[in-house]
Amino acid sequence: MSNQLLEQILDKLDQLNQRLDRVENNMATKEDVADLPLIKRAVLDTSDSVKRLEEIQDNQQRIIELLSARSIQQEAELKRIK
């Protein structure tokens, strides 16, 4: 085998090793997979919390609109009384 051919083979092996390293770095580890149920539970809990906050915010918005309407009505009545 010529030195040039050997160098090409070594270069290809080095490229394959680099690709394999990238693949290994991107793969999920056993610990990552073991944490998935915990992550899923946390996401569901967070989703529930966000839904409750949205409901509270909607309720508060309705109250603000009601109070605004009452305030306008009272202001009109006060002007009428004057």
N, C-alpha and C. Protein backbone atom coordinates (compact mmCIF):
# COMPACT_ATOMS: atom_id res chain seq x y z
N MET A 1 0.84 -1.19 0.00
CA MET A 1 0.00 0.00 0.00
C MET A 1 0.88 1.24 0.00
N SER A 2 0.45 2.21 -0.75
CA SER A 2 1.22 3.44 -0.80
C SER A 2 0.90 4.31 0.41
N ASN A 3 1.81 5.18 0.70
CA ASN A 3 1.60 6.11 1.83
C ASN A 3 0.39 7.01 1.60
N GLN A 4 0.19 7.38 0.34
CA GLN A 4 -0.95 8.25 0.01
C GLN A 4 -2.27 7.54 0.27
N LEU A 5 -2.37 6.28 -0.13
CA LEU A 5 -3.57 5.51 0.10
C LEU A 5 -3.81 5.31 1.60
N LEU A 6 -2.75 5.03 2.32
CA LEU A 6 -2.85 4.86 3.77
C LEU A 6 -3.31 6.15 4.44
N GLU A 7 -2.81 7.27 3.99
CA GLU A 7 -3.23 8.56 4.54
C GLU A 7 -4.70 8.84 4.24
N GLN A 8 -5.17 8.47 3.05
CA GLN A 8 -6.58 8.64 2.70
C GLN A 8 -7.47 7.78 3.60
N ILE A 9 -7.03 6.55 3.82
CA ILE A 9 -7.78 5.65 4.69
C ILE A 9 -7.83 6.21 6.10
N LEU A 10 -6.70 6.68 6.61
CA LEU A 10 -6.65 7.26 7.96
C LEU A 10 -7.51 8.51 8.05
N ASP A 11 -7.50 9.32 6.98
CA ASP A 11 -8.33 10.53 6.96
C ASP A 11 -9.81 10.16 7.00
N LYS A 12 -10.21 9.16 6.22
CA LYS A 12 -11.60 8.71 6.25
C LYS A 12 -11.98 8.16 7.62
N LEU A 13 -11.09 7.41 8.23
CA LEU A 13 -11.36 6.89 9.57
C LEU A 13 -11.52 8.02 10.57
N ASP A 14 -10.70 9.04 10.43
CA ASP A 14 -10.80 10.19 11.33
C ASP A 14 -12.14 10.89 11.13
N GLN A 15 -12.58 11.05 9.88
CA GLN A 15 -13.87 11.67 9.60
C GLN A 15 -15.00 10.83 10.19
N LEU A 16 -14.91 9.51 10.04
CA LEU A 16 -15.94 8.63 10.60
C LEU A 16 -15.96 8.73 12.12
N ASN A 17 -14.80 8.81 12.74
CA ASN A 17 -14.73 8.96 14.20
C ASN A 17 -15.37 10.27 14.65
N GLN A 18 -15.14 11.33 13.89
CA GLN A 18 -15.73 12.62 14.24
C GLN A 18 -17.26 12.56 14.12
N ARG A 19 -17.74 11.94 13.06
CA ARG A 19 -19.19 11.79 12.90
C ARG A 19 -19.79 10.94 14.02
N LEU A 20 -19.10 9.87 14.37
CA LEU A 20 -19.57 9.01 15.45
C LEU A 20 -19.60 9.76 16.77
N ASP A 21 -18.60 10.59 17.00
CA ASP A 21 -18.58 11.41 18.22
C ASP A 21 -19.78 12.34 18.26
N ARG A 22 -20.11 12.96 17.11
CA ARG A 22 -21.27 13.86 17.07
C ARG A 22 -22.56 13.10 17.33
N VAL A 23 -22.68 11.91 16.74
CA VAL A 23 -23.88 11.09 16.97
C VAL A 23 -23.99 10.72 18.43
N GLU A 24 -22.90 10.28 19.03
CA GLU A 24 -22.92 9.90 20.45
C GLU A 24 -23.28 11.08 21.33
N ASN A 25 -22.77 12.26 21.00
CA ASN A 25 -23.07 13.45 21.80
C ASN A 25 -24.54 13.85 21.70
N ASN A 26 -25.18 13.52 20.57
CA ASN A 26 -26.58 13.89 20.38
C ASN A 26 -27.56 12.84 20.88
N MET A 27 -27.06 11.67 21.21
CA MET A 27 -27.93 10.60 21.69
C MET A 27 -28.35 10.85 23.14
N ALA A 28 -29.58 10.44 23.45
CA ALA A 28 -30.06 10.54 24.83
C ALA A 28 -29.37 9.46 25.66
N THR A 29 -29.02 9.83 26.85
CA THR A 29 -28.41 8.86 27.75
C THR A 29 -29.50 8.13 28.53
N LYS A 30 -29.12 7.08 29.21
CA LYS A 30 -30.09 6.34 30.03
C LYS A 30 -30.70 7.26 31.08
N GLU A 31 -29.90 8.16 31.62
CA GLU A 31 -30.41 9.09 32.62
C GLU A 31 -31.45 10.02 32.01
N ASP A 32 -31.19 10.46 30.78
CA ASP A 32 -32.15 11.33 30.10
C ASP A 32 -33.48 10.61 29.92
N VAL A 33 -33.41 9.37 29.49
CA VAL A 33 -34.62 8.59 29.26
C VAL A 33 -35.34 8.33 30.59
N ALA A 34 -34.58 8.09 31.65
CA ALA A 34 -35.19 7.84 32.95
C ALA A 34 -35.90 9.08 33.47
N ASP A 35 -35.42 10.27 33.08
CA ASP A 35 -36.03 11.52 33.55
C ASP A 35 -37.28 11.90 32.77
N LEU A 36 -37.54 11.26 31.65
CA LEU A 36 -38.68 11.64 30.82
C LEU A 36 -40.02 11.62 31.55
N PRO A 37 -40.33 10.60 32.36
CA PRO A 37 -41.60 10.64 33.09
C PRO A 37 -41.69 11.83 34.05
N LEU A 38 -40.57 12.17 34.67
CA LEU A 38 -40.56 13.33 35.57
C LEU A 38 -40.78 14.62 34.79
N ILE A 39 -40.14 14.71 33.65
CA ILE A 39 -40.30 15.90 32.81
C ILE A 39 -41.74 16.01 32.32
N LYS A 40 -42.30 14.89 31.89
CA LYS A 40 -43.69 14.88 31.42
C LYS A 40 -44.63 15.33 32.54
N ARG A 41 -44.42 14.83 33.76
CA ARG A 41 -45.26 15.22 34.90
C ARG A 41 -45.13 16.71 35.18
N ALA A 42 -43.90 17.23 35.11
CA ALA A 42 -43.68 18.65 35.35
C ALA A 42 -44.38 19.50 34.29
N VAL A 43 -44.33 19.06 33.05
CA VAL A 43 -45.01 19.79 31.97
C VAL A 43 -46.52 19.78 32.20
N LEU A 44 -47.07 18.63 32.57
CA LEU A 44 -48.51 18.54 32.83
C LEU A 44 -48.91 19.42 34.01
N ASP A 45 -48.10 19.40 35.07
CA ASP A 45 -48.39 20.25 36.23
C ASP A 45 -48.36 21.72 35.84
N THR A 46 -47.36 22.09 35.05
CA THR A 46 -47.24 23.47 34.60
C THR A 46 -48.43 23.86 33.73
N SER A 47 -48.83 22.95 32.87
CA SER A 47 -50.00 23.20 32.02
C SER A 47 -51.25 23.42 32.86
N ASP A 48 -51.43 22.60 33.88
CA ASP A 48 -52.58 22.77 34.77
C ASP A 48 -52.54 24.12 35.47
N SER A 49 -51.35 24.50 35.93
CA SER A 49 -51.21 25.79 36.60
C SER A 49 -51.53 26.94 35.66
N VAL A 50 -51.05 26.85 34.44
CA VAL A 50 -51.32 27.90 33.45
C VAL A 50 -52.81 27.99 33.17
N LYS A 51 -53.48 26.85 33.05
CA LYS A 51 -54.93 26.86 32.81
C LYS A 51 -55.66 27.53 33.97
N ARG A 52 -55.24 27.22 35.21
CA ARG A 52 -55.88 27.86 36.37
C ARG A 52 -55.64 29.37 36.36
N LEU A 53 -54.43 29.77 36.02
CA LEU A 53 -54.13 31.20 35.96
C LEU A 53 -54.96 31.89 34.87
N GLU A 54 -55.14 31.21 33.74
CA GLU A 54 -55.97 31.78 32.68
C GLU A 54 -57.41 31.95 33.14
N GLU A 55 -57.93 30.97 33.87
CA GLU A 55 -59.29 31.07 34.39
C GLU A 55 -59.41 32.23 35.37
N ILE A 56 -58.43 32.36 36.25
CA ILE A 56 -58.44 33.46 37.22
C ILE A 56 -58.37 34.80 36.49
N GLN A 57 -57.50 34.88 35.49
CA GLN A 57 -57.37 36.12 34.73
C GLN A 57 -58.66 36.47 34.00
N ASP A 58 -59.30 35.47 33.41
CA ASP A 58 -60.58 35.71 32.73
C ASP A 58 -61.62 36.22 33.72
N ASN A 59 -61.68 35.61 34.89
CA ASN A 59 -62.63 36.02 35.92
C ASN A 59 -62.35 37.46 36.37
N GLN A 60 -61.08 37.77 36.56
CA GLN A 60 -60.72 39.12 36.98
C GLN A 60 -61.08 40.13 35.89
N GLN A 61 -60.91 39.73 34.63
CA GLN A 61 -61.26 40.63 33.53
C GLN A 61 -62.75 40.92 33.52
N ARG A 62 -63.55 39.89 33.76
CA ARG A 62 -65.01 40.10 33.82
C ARG A 62 -65.37 41.03 34.98
N ILE A 63 -64.71 40.84 36.12
CA ILE A 63 -64.98 41.71 37.29
C ILE A 63 -64.59 43.15 36.97
N ILE A 64 -63.45 43.35 36.33
CA ILE A 64 -63.01 44.70 35.98
C ILE A 64 -64.02 45.35 35.03
N GLU A 65 -64.50 44.59 34.06
CA GLU A 65 -65.49 45.13 33.12
C GLU A 65 -66.78 45.49 33.84
N LEU A 66 -67.22 44.66 34.78
CA LEU A 66 -68.43 44.93 35.55
C LEU A 66 -68.25 46.19 36.40
N LEU A 67 -67.11 46.27 37.09
CA LEU A 67 -66.85 47.44 37.92
C LEU A 67 -66.75 48.71 37.08
N SER A 68 -66.18 48.60 35.91
CA SER A 68 -66.08 49.75 35.01
C SER A 68 -67.46 50.22 34.60
N ALA A 69 -68.32 49.27 34.24
CA ALA A 69 -69.68 49.63 33.85
C ALA A 69 -70.42 50.27 35.02
N ARG A 70 -70.26 49.72 36.23
CA ARG A 70 -70.92 50.32 37.41
C ARG A 70 -70.40 51.72 37.68
N SER A 71 -69.10 51.89 37.51
CA SER A 71 -68.51 53.21 37.75
C SER A 71 -69.06 54.23 36.78
N ILE A 72 -69.18 53.85 35.52
CA ILE A 72 -69.74 54.76 34.51
C ILE A 72 -71.19 55.06 34.83
N GLN A 73 -71.93 54.05 35.24
CA GLN A 73 -73.35 54.23 35.59
C GLN A 73 -73.49 55.17 36.79
N GLN A 74 -72.65 54.97 37.80
CA GLN A 74 -72.71 55.84 38.99
C GLN A 74 -72.32 57.27 38.65
N GLU A 75 -71.32 57.40 37.79
CA GLU A 75 -70.90 58.74 37.38
C GLU A 75 -72.04 59.45 36.65
N ALA A 76 -72.75 58.73 35.81
CA ALA A 76 -73.89 59.31 35.08
C ALA A 76 -75.00 59.71 36.04
N GLU A 77 -75.26 58.88 37.05
CA GLU A 77 -76.30 59.19 38.03
C GLU A 77 -75.91 60.42 38.85
N LEU A 78 -74.63 60.53 39.21
CA LEU A 78 -74.19 61.70 39.97
C LEU A 78 -74.35 62.98 39.14
N LYS A 79 -74.05 62.91 37.86
CA LYS A 79 -74.21 64.09 36.99
C LYS A 79 -75.69 64.44 36.88
N ARG A 80 -76.53 63.43 36.82
CA ARG A 80 -77.97 63.67 36.71
C ARG A 80 -78.49 64.32 38.00
N ILE A 81 -77.96 63.91 39.14
CA ILE A 81 -78.40 64.46 40.42
C ILE A 81 -77.99 65.92 40.55
N LYS A 82 -76.84 66.26 40.06
CA LYS A 82 -76.35 67.65 40.17
C LYS A 82 -77.19 68.54 39.38
